[in-house]
PDB file of N, CA and C in Angstrom:
ATOM      1  N   MET A   1      29.256 -27.372  14.002  1.00  0.00           N
ATOM      2  CA  MET A   1      29.658 -27.067  15.417  1.00  0.00           C
ATOM      3  C   MET A   1      30.410 -25.749  15.424  1.00  0.00           C
ATOM      4  N   SER A   2      30.056 -24.903  16.387  1.00  0.00           N
ATOM      5  CA  SER A   2      30.763 -23.663  16.536  1.00  0.00           C
ATOM      6  C   SER A   2      32.144 -23.895  17.090  1.00  0.00           C
ATOM      7  N   GLU A   3      32.952 -22.913  16.940  1.00  0.00           N
ATOM      8  CA  GLU A   3      34.375 -23.051  17.396  1.00  0.00           C
ATOM      9  C   GLU A   3      34.502 -23.249  18.927  1.00  0.00           C
ATOM     10  N   ASN A   4      33.565 -22.697  19.660  1.00  0.00           N
ATOM     11  CA  ASN A   4      33.708 -22.739  21.068  1.00  0.00           C
ATOM     12  C   ASN A   4      32.768 -23.720  21.716  1.00  0.00           C
ATOM     13  N   ALA A   5      32.127 -24.673  20.886  1.00  0.00           N
ATOM     14  CA  ALA A   5      31.117 -25.603  21.342  1.00  0.00           C
ATOM     15  C   ALA A   5      31.733 -26.497  22.525  1.00  0.00           C
ATOM     16  N   LYS A   6      30.869 -26.779  23.500  1.00  0.00           N
ATOM     17  CA  LYS A   6      31.303 -27.554  24.610  1.00  0.00           C
ATOM     18  C   LYS A   6      30.873 -28.996  24.510  1.00  0.00           C
ATOM     19  N   TYR A   7      30.070 -29.264  23.519  1.00  0.00           N
ATOM     20  CA  TYR A   7      29.580 -30.666  23.422  1.00  0.00           C
ATOM     21  C   TYR A   7      30.651 -31.545  22.709  1.00  0.00           C
ATOM     22  N   ILE A   8      30.491 -32.863  22.921  1.00  0.00           N
ATOM     23  CA  ILE A   8      31.458 -33.807  22.356  1.00  0.00           C
ATOM     24  C   ILE A   8      30.901 -34.474  21.110  1.00  0.00           C
ATOM     25  N   THR A   9      31.660 -34.616  20.013  1.00  0.00           N
ATOM     26  CA  THR A   9      31.212 -35.359  18.935  1.00  0.00           C
ATOM     27  C   THR A   9      31.661 -36.776  19.086  1.00  0.00           C
ATOM     28  N   LEU A  10      30.668 -37.666  19.105  1.00  0.00           N
ATOM     29  CA  LEU A  10      30.997 -39.048  19.395  1.00  0.00           C
ATOM     30  C   LEU A  10      31.225 -39.911  18.189  1.00  0.00           C
ATOM     31  N   ASP A  11      32.016 -40.905  18.247  1.00  0.00           N
ATOM     32  CA  ASP A  11      32.283 -41.965  17.165  1.00  0.00           C
ATOM     33  C   ASP A  11      32.328 -43.326  17.910  1.00  0.00           C
ATOM     34  N   GLU A  12      32.592 -44.305  17.139  1.00  0.00           N
ATOM     35  CA  GLU A  12      32.590 -45.656  17.723  1.00  0.00           C
ATOM     36  C   GLU A  12      33.587 -45.806  18.912  1.00  0.00           C
ATOM     37  N   SER A  13      34.790 -45.261  18.854  1.00  0.00           N
ATOM     38  CA  SER A  13      35.738 -45.411  19.922  1.00  0.00           C
ATOM     39  C   SER A  13      35.425 -44.551  21.098  1.00  0.00           C
ATOM     40  N   SER A  14      34.923 -43.310  20.915  1.00  0.00           N
ATOM     41  CA  SER A  14      34.728 -42.481  21.991  1.00  0.00           C
ATOM     42  C   SER A  14      33.391 -42.702  22.851  1.00  0.00           C
ATOM     43  N   PHE A  15      32.529 -43.398  22.227  1.00  0.00           N
ATOM     44  CA  PHE A  15      31.230 -43.656  22.846  1.00  0.00           C
ATOM     45  C   PHE A  15      31.425 -44.447  24.121  1.00  0.00           C
ATOM     46  N   GLN A  16      32.280 -45.398  24.149  1.00  0.00           N
ATOM     47  CA  GLN A  16      32.528 -46.279  25.317  1.00  0.00           C
ATOM     48  C   GLN A  16      33.052 -45.346  26.456  1.00  0.00           C
ATOM     49  N   THR A  17      34.087 -44.579  26.246  1.00  0.00           N
ATOM     50  CA  THR A  17      34.659 -43.828  27.296  1.00  0.00           C
ATOM     51  C   THR A  17      33.837 -42.597  27.651  1.00  0.00           C
ATOM     52  N   GLU A  18      33.320 -41.913  26.739  1.00  0.00           N
ATOM     53  CA  GLU A  18      32.584 -40.676  27.026  1.00  0.00           C
ATOM     54  C   GLU A  18      31.215 -40.853  27.568  1.00  0.00           C
ATOM     55  N   VAL A  19      30.554 -41.959  27.175  1.00  0.00           N
ATOM     56  CA  VAL A  19      29.152 -42.161  27.585  1.00  0.00           C
ATOM     57  C   VAL A  19      29.029 -43.302  28.539  1.00  0.00           C
ATOM     58  N   LEU A  20      29.516 -44.477  28.182  1.00  0.00           N
ATOM     59  CA  LEU A  20      29.271 -45.674  28.991  1.00  0.00           C
ATOM     60  C   LEU A  20      30.142 -45.705  30.271  1.00  0.00           C
ATOM     61  N   GLN A  21      31.321 -45.105  30.245  1.00  0.00           N
ATOM     62  CA  GLN A  21      32.184 -45.064  31.455  1.00  0.00           C
ATOM     63  C   GLN A  21      32.165 -43.689  32.129  1.00  0.00           C
ATOM     64  N   ALA A  22      31.281 -42.775  31.722  1.00  0.00           N
ATOM     65  CA  ALA A  22      31.195 -41.487  32.314  1.00  0.00           C
ATOM     66  C   ALA A  22      30.896 -41.507  33.793  1.00  0.00           C
ATOM     67  N   ASP A  23      31.459 -40.627  34.570  1.00  0.00           N
ATOM     68  CA  ASP A  23      31.218 -40.532  35.922  1.00  0.00           C
ATOM     69  C   ASP A  23      30.179 -39.432  36.272  1.00  0.00           C
ATOM     70  N   ARG A  24      29.496 -38.839  35.188  1.00  0.00           N
ATOM     71  CA  ARG A  24      28.511 -37.961  35.419  1.00  0.00           C
ATOM     72  C   ARG A  24      27.431 -38.196  34.387  1.00  0.00           C
ATOM     73  N   PRO A  25      26.251 -37.604  34.571  1.00  0.00           N
ATOM     74  CA  PRO A  25      25.144 -37.714  33.605  1.00  0.00           C
ATOM     75  C   PRO A  25      25.567 -37.318  32.153  1.00  0.00           C
ATOM     76  N   VAL A  26      25.044 -38.002  31.192  1.00  0.00           N
ATOM     77  CA  VAL A  26      25.342 -37.715  29.818  1.00  0.00           C
ATOM     78  C   VAL A  26      24.083 -37.562  28.984  1.00  0.00           C
ATOM     79  N   LEU A  27      23.981 -36.578  28.165  1.00  0.00           N
ATOM     80  CA  LEU A  27      22.933 -36.314  27.148  1.00  0.00           C
ATOM     81  C   LEU A  27      23.476 -36.613  25.807  1.00  0.00           C
ATOM     82  N   VAL A  28      22.967 -37.529  25.064  1.00  0.00           N
ATOM     83  CA  VAL A  28      23.452 -37.827  23.711  1.00  0.00           C
ATOM     84  C   VAL A  28      22.392 -37.442  22.705  1.00  0.00           C
ATOM     85  N   ASP A  29      22.646 -36.606  21.772  1.00  0.00           N
ATOM     86  CA  ASP A  29      21.776 -36.208  20.703  1.00  0.00           C
ATOM     87  C   ASP A  29      22.133 -37.029  19.465  1.00  0.00           C
ATOM     88  N   PHE A  30      21.242 -37.941  19.052  1.00  0.00           N
ATOM     89  CA  PHE A  30      21.374 -38.788  17.809  1.00  0.00           C
ATOM     90  C   PHE A  30      20.735 -37.893  16.684  1.00  0.00           C
ATOM     91  N   TRP A  31      21.549 -37.511  15.733  1.00  0.00           N
ATOM     92  CA  TRP A  31      21.132 -36.596  14.689  1.00  0.00           C
ATOM     93  C   TRP A  31      21.750 -36.936  13.284  1.00  0.00           C
ATOM     94  N   ALA A  32      21.353 -36.151  12.263  1.00  0.00           N
ATOM     95  CA  ALA A  32      21.987 -36.302  10.970  1.00  0.00           C
ATOM     96  C   ALA A  32      21.894 -34.884  10.275  1.00  0.00           C
ATOM     97  N   ASP A  33      22.817 -34.614   9.362  1.00  0.00           N
ATOM     98  CA  ASP A  33      22.896 -33.383   8.645  1.00  0.00           C
ATOM     99  C   ASP A  33      21.561 -33.058   7.820  1.00  0.00           C
ATOM    100  N   TRP A  34      20.944 -34.097   7.334  1.00  0.00           N
ATOM    101  CA  TRP A  34      19.795 -33.959   6.389  1.00  0.00           C
ATOM    102  C   TRP A  34      18.488 -33.745   7.182  1.00  0.00           C
ATOM    103  N   CYS A  35      18.541 -33.807   8.538  1.00  0.00           N
ATOM    104  CA  CYS A  35      17.289 -33.803   9.326  1.00  0.00           C
ATOM    105  C   CYS A  35      16.913 -32.460   9.810  1.00  0.00           C
ATOM    106  N   PRO A  36      15.757 -31.795   9.172  1.00  0.00           N
ATOM    107  CA  PRO A  36      15.408 -30.510   9.639  1.00  0.00           C
ATOM    108  C   PRO A  36      15.128 -30.346  11.167  1.00  0.00           C
ATOM    109  N   PRO A  37      14.369 -31.259  11.844  1.00  0.00           N
ATOM    110  CA  PRO A  37      14.259 -31.093  13.257  1.00  0.00           C
ATOM    111  C   PRO A  37      15.561 -31.154  14.056  1.00  0.00           C
ATOM    112  N   CYS A  38      16.549 -31.882  13.487  1.00  0.00           N
ATOM    113  CA  CYS A  38      17.864 -31.943  14.148  1.00  0.00           C
ATOM    114  C   CYS A  38      18.568 -30.546  14.123  1.00  0.00           C
ATOM    115  N   ARG A  39      18.295 -29.838  12.970  1.00  0.00           N
ATOM    116  CA  ARG A  39      18.859 -28.483  12.951  1.00  0.00           C
ATOM    117  C   ARG A  39      18.193 -27.514  13.892  1.00  0.00           C
ATOM    118  N   ILE A  40      16.927 -27.773  14.176  1.00  0.00           N
ATOM    119  CA  ILE A  40      16.166 -26.935  15.132  1.00  0.00           C
ATOM    120  C   ILE A  40      16.737 -27.215  16.516  1.00  0.00           C
ATOM    121  N   VAL A  41      17.087 -28.472  16.899  1.00  0.00           N
ATOM    122  CA  VAL A  41      17.548 -28.772  18.212  1.00  0.00           C
ATOM    123  C   VAL A  41      19.048 -28.395  18.321  1.00  0.00           C
ATOM    124  N   ALA A  42      19.814 -28.356  17.305  1.00  0.00           N
ATOM    125  CA  ALA A  42      21.219 -28.101  17.384  1.00  0.00           C
ATOM    126  C   ALA A  42      21.651 -26.899  18.263  1.00  0.00           C
ATOM    127  N   PRO A  43      21.031 -25.718  18.105  1.00  0.00           N
ATOM    128  CA  PRO A  43      21.497 -24.641  18.943  1.00  0.00           C
ATOM    129  C   PRO A  43      21.115 -24.872  20.440  1.00  0.00           C
ATOM    130  N   VAL A  44      20.060 -25.551  20.676  1.00  0.00           N
ATOM    131  CA  VAL A  44      19.693 -25.942  22.105  1.00  0.00           C
ATOM    132  C   VAL A  44      20.709 -26.848  22.756  1.00  0.00           C
ATOM    133  N   ILE A  45      21.203 -27.803  21.896  1.00  0.00           N
ATOM    134  CA  ILE A  45      22.246 -28.673  22.420  1.00  0.00           C
ATOM    135  C   ILE A  45      23.470 -27.901  22.719  1.00  0.00           C
ATOM    136  N   GLU A  46      23.880 -26.971  21.913  1.00  0.00           N
ATOM    137  CA  GLU A  46      25.016 -26.129  22.130  1.00  0.00           C
ATOM    138  C   GLU A  46      24.848 -25.366  23.502  1.00  0.00           C
ATOM    139  N   GLU A  47      23.646 -24.809  23.699  1.00  0.00           N
ATOM    140  CA  GLU A  47      23.378 -24.018  24.867  1.00  0.00           C
ATOM    141  C   GLU A  47      23.443 -24.904  26.126  1.00  0.00           C
ATOM    142  N   LEU A  48      22.875 -26.078  26.040  1.00  0.00           N
ATOM    143  CA  LEU A  48      22.907 -27.021  27.184  1.00  0.00           C
ATOM    144  C   LEU A  48      24.426 -27.433  27.433  1.00  0.00           C
ATOM    145  N   ALA A  49      25.172 -27.680  26.418  1.00  0.00           N
ATOM    146  CA  ALA A  49      26.519 -28.060  26.639  1.00  0.00           C
ATOM    147  C   ALA A  49      27.283 -26.945  27.381  1.00  0.00           C
ATOM    148  N   GLU A  50      27.007 -25.659  27.090  1.00  0.00           N
ATOM    149  CA  GLU A  50      27.615 -24.545  27.740  1.00  0.00           C
ATOM    150  C   GLU A  50      27.104 -24.422  29.155  1.00  0.00           C
ATOM    151  N   GLU A  51      25.815 -24.491  29.399  1.00  0.00           N
ATOM    152  CA  GLU A  51      25.222 -24.328  30.754  1.00  0.00           C
ATOM    153  C   GLU A  51      25.549 -25.437  31.718  1.00  0.00           C
ATOM    154  N   PHE A  52      25.748 -26.741  31.187  1.00  0.00           N
ATOM    155  CA  PHE A  52      25.933 -27.812  32.067  1.00  0.00           C
ATOM    156  C   PHE A  52      27.468 -28.221  32.053  1.00  0.00           C
ATOM    157  N   ASP A  53      28.326 -27.378  31.392  1.00  0.00           N
ATOM    158  CA  ASP A  53      29.784 -27.735  31.294  1.00  0.00           C
ATOM    159  C   ASP A  53      30.306 -27.993  32.708  1.00  0.00           C
ATOM    160  N   GLY A  54      30.919 -29.129  32.896  1.00  0.00           N
ATOM    161  CA  GLY A  54      31.571 -29.507  34.131  1.00  0.00           C
ATOM    162  C   GLY A  54      30.618 -30.330  35.077  1.00  0.00           C
ATOM    163  N   ALA A  55      29.312 -30.256  34.834  1.00  0.00           N
ATOM    164  CA  ALA A  55      28.262 -30.976  35.703  1.00  0.00           C
ATOM    165  C   ALA A  55      27.783 -32.182  34.951  1.00  0.00           C
ATOM    166  N   ALA A  56      27.549 -32.056  33.634  1.00  0.00           N
ATOM    167  CA  ALA A  56      27.065 -33.125  32.842  1.00  0.00           C
ATOM    168  C   ALA A  56      27.771 -33.054  31.485  1.00  0.00           C
ATOM    169  N   THR A  57      27.753 -34.221  30.780  1.00  0.00           N
ATOM    170  CA  THR A  57      28.358 -34.259  29.435  1.00  0.00           C
ATOM    171  C   THR A  57      27.230 -34.153  28.456  1.00  0.00           C
ATOM    172  N   VAL A  58      27.436 -33.351  27.463  1.00  0.00           N
ATOM    173  CA  VAL A  58      26.486 -33.215  26.304  1.00  0.00           C
ATOM    174  C   VAL A  58      27.234 -33.580  25.055  1.00  0.00           C
ATOM    175  N   ALA A  59      26.678 -34.538  24.282  1.00  0.00           N
ATOM    176  CA  ALA A  59      27.365 -35.126  23.104  1.00  0.00           C
ATOM    177  C   ALA A  59      26.399 -35.282  21.943  1.00  0.00           C
ATOM    178  N   LYS A  60      26.977 -35.313  20.783  1.00  0.00           N
ATOM    179  CA  LYS A  60      26.207 -35.557  19.561  1.00  0.00           C
ATOM    180  C   LYS A  60      26.757 -36.773  18.804  1.00  0.00           C
ATOM    181  N   LEU A  61      25.821 -37.551  18.226  1.00  0.00           N
ATOM    182  CA  LEU A  61      26.336 -38.700  17.560  1.00  0.00           C
ATOM    183  C   LEU A  61      25.566 -38.769  16.190  1.00  0.00           C
ATOM    184  N   ASP A  62      26.301 -38.585  15.139  1.00  0.00           N
ATOM    185  CA  ASP A  62      25.721 -38.566  13.768  1.00  0.00           C
ATOM    186  C   ASP A  62      25.388 -40.067  13.366  1.00  0.00           C
ATOM    187  N   VAL A  63      24.050 -40.229  13.203  1.00  0.00           N
ATOM    188  CA  VAL A  63      23.532 -41.601  12.949  1.00  0.00           C
ATOM    189  C   VAL A  63      24.079 -42.143  11.576  1.00  0.00           C
ATOM    190  N   ASP A  64      24.375 -41.273  10.631  1.00  0.00           N
ATOM    191  CA  ASP A  64      24.914 -41.742   9.376  1.00  0.00           C
ATOM    192  C   ASP A  64      26.336 -42.207   9.480  1.00  0.00           C
ATOM    193  N   LYS A  65      27.114 -41.574  10.366  1.00  0.00           N
ATOM    194  CA  LYS A  65      28.497 -41.931  10.523  1.00  0.00           C
ATOM    195  C   LYS A  65      28.729 -43.146  11.537  1.00  0.00           C
ATOM    196  N   VAL A  66      27.756 -43.278  12.489  1.00  0.00           N
ATOM    197  CA  VAL A  66      27.844 -44.323  13.483  1.00  0.00           C
ATOM    198  C   VAL A  66      26.564 -45.051  13.606  1.00  0.00           C
ATOM    199  N   PRO A  67      26.138 -45.777  12.550  1.00  0.00           N
ATOM    200  CA  PRO A  67      24.863 -46.369  12.600  1.00  0.00           C
ATOM    201  C   PRO A  67      24.702 -47.581  13.570  1.00  0.00           C
ATOM    202  N   GLY A  68      25.813 -48.191  13.868  1.00  0.00           N
ATOM    203  CA  GLY A  68      25.839 -49.343  14.736  1.00  0.00           C
ATOM    204  C   GLY A  68      25.356 -48.975  16.169  1.00  0.00           C
ATOM    205  N   ILE A  69      25.790 -47.817  16.696  1.00  0.00           N
ATOM    206  CA  ILE A  69      25.434 -47.451  18.041  1.00  0.00           C
ATOM    207  C   ILE A  69      23.952 -46.970  17.982  1.00  0.00           C
ATOM    208  N   ALA A  70      23.583 -46.305  16.943  1.00  0.00           N
ATOM    209  CA  ALA A  70      22.137 -45.852  16.842  1.00  0.00           C
ATOM    210  C   ALA A  70      21.245 -47.023  16.793  1.00  0.00           C
ATOM    211  N   GLY A  71      21.639 -48.085  16.073  1.00  0.00           N
ATOM    212  CA  GLY A  71      20.807 -49.286  16.042  1.00  0.00           C
ATOM    213  C   GLY A  71      20.813 -50.037  17.381  1.00  0.00           C
ATOM    214  N   ALA A  72      21.864 -50.015  18.065  1.00  0.00           N
ATOM    215  CA  ALA A  72      21.965 -50.752  19.348  1.00  0.00           C
ATOM    216  C   ALA A  72      21.030 -50.113  20.358  1.00  0.00           C
ATOM    217  N   TYR A  73      20.801 -48.843  20.257  1.00  0.00           N
ATOM    218  CA  TYR A  73      19.882 -48.122  21.124  1.00  0.00           C
ATOM    219  C   TYR A  73      18.517 -47.864  20.533  1.00  0.00           C
ATOM    220  N   GLU A  74      18.253 -48.588  19.553  1.00  0.00           N
ATOM    221  CA  GLU A  74      16.915 -48.572  18.845  1.00  0.00           C
ATOM    222  C   GLU A  74      16.438 -47.152  18.504  1.00  0.00           C
ATOM    223  N   VAL A  75      17.377 -46.394  17.925  1.00  0.00           N
ATOM    224  CA  VAL A  75      17.066 -45.020  17.470  1.00  0.00           C
ATOM    225  C   VAL A  75      16.453 -45.222  16.092  1.00  0.00           C
ATOM    226  N   ARG A  76      15.107 -44.927  16.041  1.00  0.00           N
ATOM    227  CA  ARG A  76      14.349 -45.136  14.793  1.00  0.00           C
ATOM    228  C   ARG A  76      13.967 -43.811  14.162  1.00  0.00           C
ATOM    229  N   SER A  77      13.888 -42.807  14.930  1.00  0.00           N
ATOM    230  CA  SER A  77      13.578 -41.393  14.431  1.00  0.00           C
ATOM    231  C   SER A  77      14.588 -40.441  15.032  1.00  0.00           C
ATOM    232  N   ILE A  78      14.914 -39.411  14.327  1.00  0.00           N
ATOM    233  CA  ILE A  78      15.787 -38.424  14.799  1.00  0.00           C
ATOM    234  C   ILE A  78      15.171 -37.056  14.734  1.00  0.00           C
ATOM    235  N   PRO A  79      15.474 -36.111  15.625  1.00  0.00           N
ATOM    236  CA  PRO A  79      16.515 -36.314  16.724  1.00  0.00           C
ATOM    237  C   PRO A  79      15.955 -37.208  17.768  1.00  0.00           C
ATOM    238  N   THR A  80      16.783 -38.098  18.356  1.00  0.00           N
ATOM    239  CA  THR A  80      16.509 -38.791  19.538  1.00  0.00           C
ATOM    240  C   THR A  80      17.575 -38.366  20.574  1.00  0.00           C
ATOM    241  N   LEU A  81      17.083 -38.012  21.784  1.00  0.00           N
ATOM    242  CA  LEU A  81      18.013 -37.600  22.842  1.00  0.00           C
ATOM    243  C   LEU A  81      17.900 -38.643  23.919  1.00  0.00           C
ATOM    244  N   LEU A  82      19.082 -39.311  24.169  1.00  0.00           N
ATOM    245  CA  LEU A  82      19.127 -40.311  25.233  1.00  0.00           C
ATOM    246  C   LEU A  82      19.892 -39.697  26.489  1.00  0.00           C
ATOM    247  N   PHE A  83      19.380 -39.963  27.617  1.00  0.00           N
ATOM    248  CA  PHE A  83      20.003 -39.490  28.842  1.00  0.00           C
ATOM    249  C   PHE A  83      20.528 -40.730  29.558  1.00  0.00           C
ATOM    250  N   PHE A  84      21.851 -40.770  29.843  1.00  0.00           N
ATOM    251  CA  PHE A  84      22.557 -41.838  30.371  1.00  0.00           C
ATOM    252  C   PHE A  84      23.009 -41.506  31.870  1.00  0.00           C
ATOM    253  N   ARG A  85      22.995 -42.550  32.673  1.00  0.00           N
ATOM    254  CA  ARG A  85      23.580 -42.393  34.095  1.00  0.00           C
ATOM    255  C   ARG A  85      24.201 -43.773  34.287  1.00  0.00           C
ATOM    256  N   ASN A  86      25.434 -43.784  34.635  1.00  0.00           N
ATOM    257  CA  ASN A  86      26.215 -44.969  34.989  1.00  0.00           C
ATOM    258  C   ASN A  86      26.149 -45.979  33.812  1.00  0.00           C
ATOM    259  N   GLY A  87      26.295 -45.469  32.623  1.00  0.00           N
ATOM    260  CA  GLY A  87      26.296 -46.272  31.365  1.00  0.00           C
ATOM    261  C   GLY A  87      24.995 -46.794  30.966  1.00  0.00           C
ATOM    262  N   GLU A  88      23.842 -46.448  31.608  1.00  0.00           N
ATOM    263  CA  GLU A  88      22.513 -46.955  31.290  1.00  0.00           C
ATOM    264  C   GLU A  88      21.630 -45.812  30.834  1.00  0.00           C
ATOM    265  N   VAL A  89      20.804 -46.140  29.790  1.00  0.00           N
ATOM    266  CA  VAL A  89      19.751 -45.158  29.388  1.00  0.00           C
ATOM    267  C   VAL A  89      18.692 -45.067  30.443  1.00  0.00           C
ATOM    268  N   VAL A  90      18.509 -43.867  30.933  1.00  0.00           N
ATOM    269  CA  VAL A  90      17.485 -43.617  32.022  1.00  0.00           C
ATOM    270  C   VAL A  90      16.279 -42.796  31.500  1.00  0.00           C
ATOM    271  N   ASP A  91      16.478 -42.166  30.364  1.00  0.00           N
ATOM    272  CA  ASP A  91      15.396 -41.323  29.791  1.00  0.00           C
ATOM    273  C   ASP A  91      15.620 -41.141  28.279  1.00  0.00           C
ATOM    274  N   ARG A  92      14.546 -40.853  27.580  1.00  0.00           N
ATOM    275  CA  ARG A  92      14.565 -40.728  26.114  1.00  0.00           C
ATOM    276  C   ARG A  92      13.589 -39.703  25.631  1.00  0.00           C
ATOM    277  N   VAL A  93      13.979 -38.808  24.757  1.00  0.00           N
ATOM    278  CA  VAL A  93      13.080 -37.879  24.155  1.00  0.00           C
ATOM    279  C   VAL A  93      13.315 -37.961  22.566  1.00  0.00           C
ATOM    280  N   VAL A  94      12.156 -38.035  21.914  1.00  0.00           N
ATOM    281  CA  VAL A  94      12.220 -38.176  20.411  1.00  0.00           C
ATOM    282  C   VAL A  94      11.567 -36.911  19.904  1.00  0.00           C
ATOM    283  N   GLY A  95      12.240 -36.291  18.944  1.00  0.00           N
ATOM    284  CA  GLY A  95      11.740 -35.114  18.258  1.00  0.00           C
ATOM    285  C   GLY A  95      12.311 -33.861  18.908  1.00  0.00           C
ATOM    286  N   ALA A  96      11.941 -32.761  18.229  1.00  0.00           N
ATOM    287  CA  ALA A  96      12.362 -31.396  18.697  1.00  0.00           C
ATOM    288  C   ALA A  96      11.445 -31.033  19.824  1.00  0.00           C
ATOM    289  N   VAL A  97      12.030 -30.747  21.013  1.00  0.00           N
ATOM    290  CA  VAL A  97      11.291 -30.322  22.099  1.00  0.00           C
ATOM    291  C   VAL A  97      11.853 -28.978  22.656  1.00  0.00           C
ATOM    292  N   PRO A  98      11.186 -28.281  23.448  1.00  0.00           N
ATOM    293  CA  PRO A  98      11.613 -27.044  24.009  1.00  0.00           C
ATOM    294  C   PRO A  98      12.867 -27.299  24.916  1.00  0.00           C
ATOM    295  N   LYS A  99      13.712 -26.319  24.988  1.00  0.00           N
ATOM    296  CA  LYS A  99      14.915 -26.423  25.766  1.00  0.00           C
ATOM    297  C   LYS A  99      14.582 -26.640  27.238  1.00  0.00           C
ATOM    298  N   GLU A 100      13.489 -26.083  27.702  1.00  0.00           N
ATOM    299  CA  GLU A 100      13.052 -26.274  29.122  1.00  0.00           C
ATOM    300  C   GLU A 100      12.890 -27.742  29.451  1.00  0.00           C
ATOM    301  N   VAL A 101      12.349 -28.506  28.534  1.00  0.00           N
ATOM    302  CA  VAL A 101      12.103 -29.952  28.778  1.00  0.00           C
ATOM    303  C   VAL A 101      13.410 -30.631  28.962  1.00  0.00           C
ATOM    304  N   LEU A 102      14.415 -30.377  28.147  1.00  0.00           N
ATOM    305  CA  LEU A 102      15.749 -30.955  28.233  1.00  0.00           C
ATOM    306  C   LEU A 102      16.508 -30.517  29.508  1.00  0.00           C
ATOM    307  N   THR A 103      16.337 -29.239  29.823  1.00  0.00           N
ATOM    308  CA  THR A 103      16.985 -28.729  31.001  1.00  0.00           C
ATOM    309  C   THR A 103      16.385 -29.435  32.269  1.00  0.00           C
ATOM    310  N   GLN A 104      15.081 -29.500  32.329  1.00  0.00           N
ATOM    311  CA  GLN A 104      14.489 -30.124  33.467  1.00  0.00           C
ATOM    312  C   GLN A 104      14.910 -31.627  33.598  1.00  0.00           C
ATOM    313  N   LYS A 105      15.019 -32.366  32.516  1.00  0.00           N
ATOM    314  CA  LYS A 105      15.470 -33.737  32.535  1.00  0.00           C
ATOM    315  C   LYS A 105      16.882 -33.811  32.995  1.00  0.00           C
ATOM    316  N   LEU A 106      17.764 -32.966  32.532  1.00  0.00           N
ATOM    317  CA  LEU A 106      19.187 -33.014  32.945  1.00  0.00           C
ATOM    318  C   LEU A 106      19.345 -32.633  34.406  1.00  0.00           C
ATOM    319  N   ASN A 107      18.568 -31.618  34.858  1.00  0.00           N
ATOM    320  CA  ASN A 107      18.585 -31.249  36.285  1.00  0.00           C
ATOM    321  C   ASN A 107      18.161 -32.391  37.117  1.00  0.00           C
ATOM    322  N   SER A 108      17.047 -33.085  36.717  1.00  0.00           N
ATOM    323  CA  SER A 108      16.535 -34.262  37.473  1.00  0.00           C
ATOM    324  C   SER A 108      17.491 -35.333  37.555  1.00  0.00           C
ATOM    325  N   LEU A 109      18.179 -35.585  36.399  1.00  0.00           N
ATOM    326  CA  LEU A 109      19.223 -36.628  36.341  1.00  0.00           C
ATOM    327  C   LEU A 109      20.404 -36.304  37.263  1.00  0.00           C
ATOM    328  N   MET A 110      20.777 -35.102  37.326  1.00  0.00           N
ATOM    329  CA  MET A 110      21.912 -34.733  38.137  1.00  0.00           C
ATOM    330  C   MET A 110      21.489 -34.780  39.653  1.00  0.00           C
ATOM    331  N   ALA A 111      20.281 -34.376  39.961  1.00  0.00           N
ATOM    332  CA  ALA A 111      19.835 -34.443  41.328  1.00  0.00           C
ATOM    333  C   ALA A 111      19.769 -35.900  41.860  1.00  0.00           C
ATOM    334  N   SER A 112      19.534 -36.818  41.000  1.00  0.00           N
ATOM    335  CA  SER A 112      19.377 -38.239  41.430  1.00  0.00           C
ATOM    336  C   SER A 112      20.696 -39.011  41.254  1.00  0.00           C
ATOM    337  N   ALA A 113      21.728 -38.355  40.777  1.00  0.00           N
ATOM    338  CA  ALA A 113      23.026 -39.047  40.519  1.00  0.00           C
ATOM    339  C   ALA A 113      23.742 -39.211  41.882  1.00  0.00           C
TER     340      ALA A 113
END
């Protein structure tokens, strides 16, 4: 994580407040250090966190450190990106995808919020 990163690093205790009780859309990147596609997506997540700062929450959850939450949301492959609104998963992307795909999904989520 860069020093100026705007994304939130989630753990068991922060997931409830930062994701499930959030009053704005949330994008959660389920990832791990050993995952090459996760490393490809990482700079995109940082850019999205910067671009959507104040409008949506962008967060990362390390599946090795918080396996219970990953299991609860049936994360079987990483990276998995879950889009939440009002504490509910409303969209899901699995694998490394272009930034434009994620931007479009976040914009759509914010427009319908």
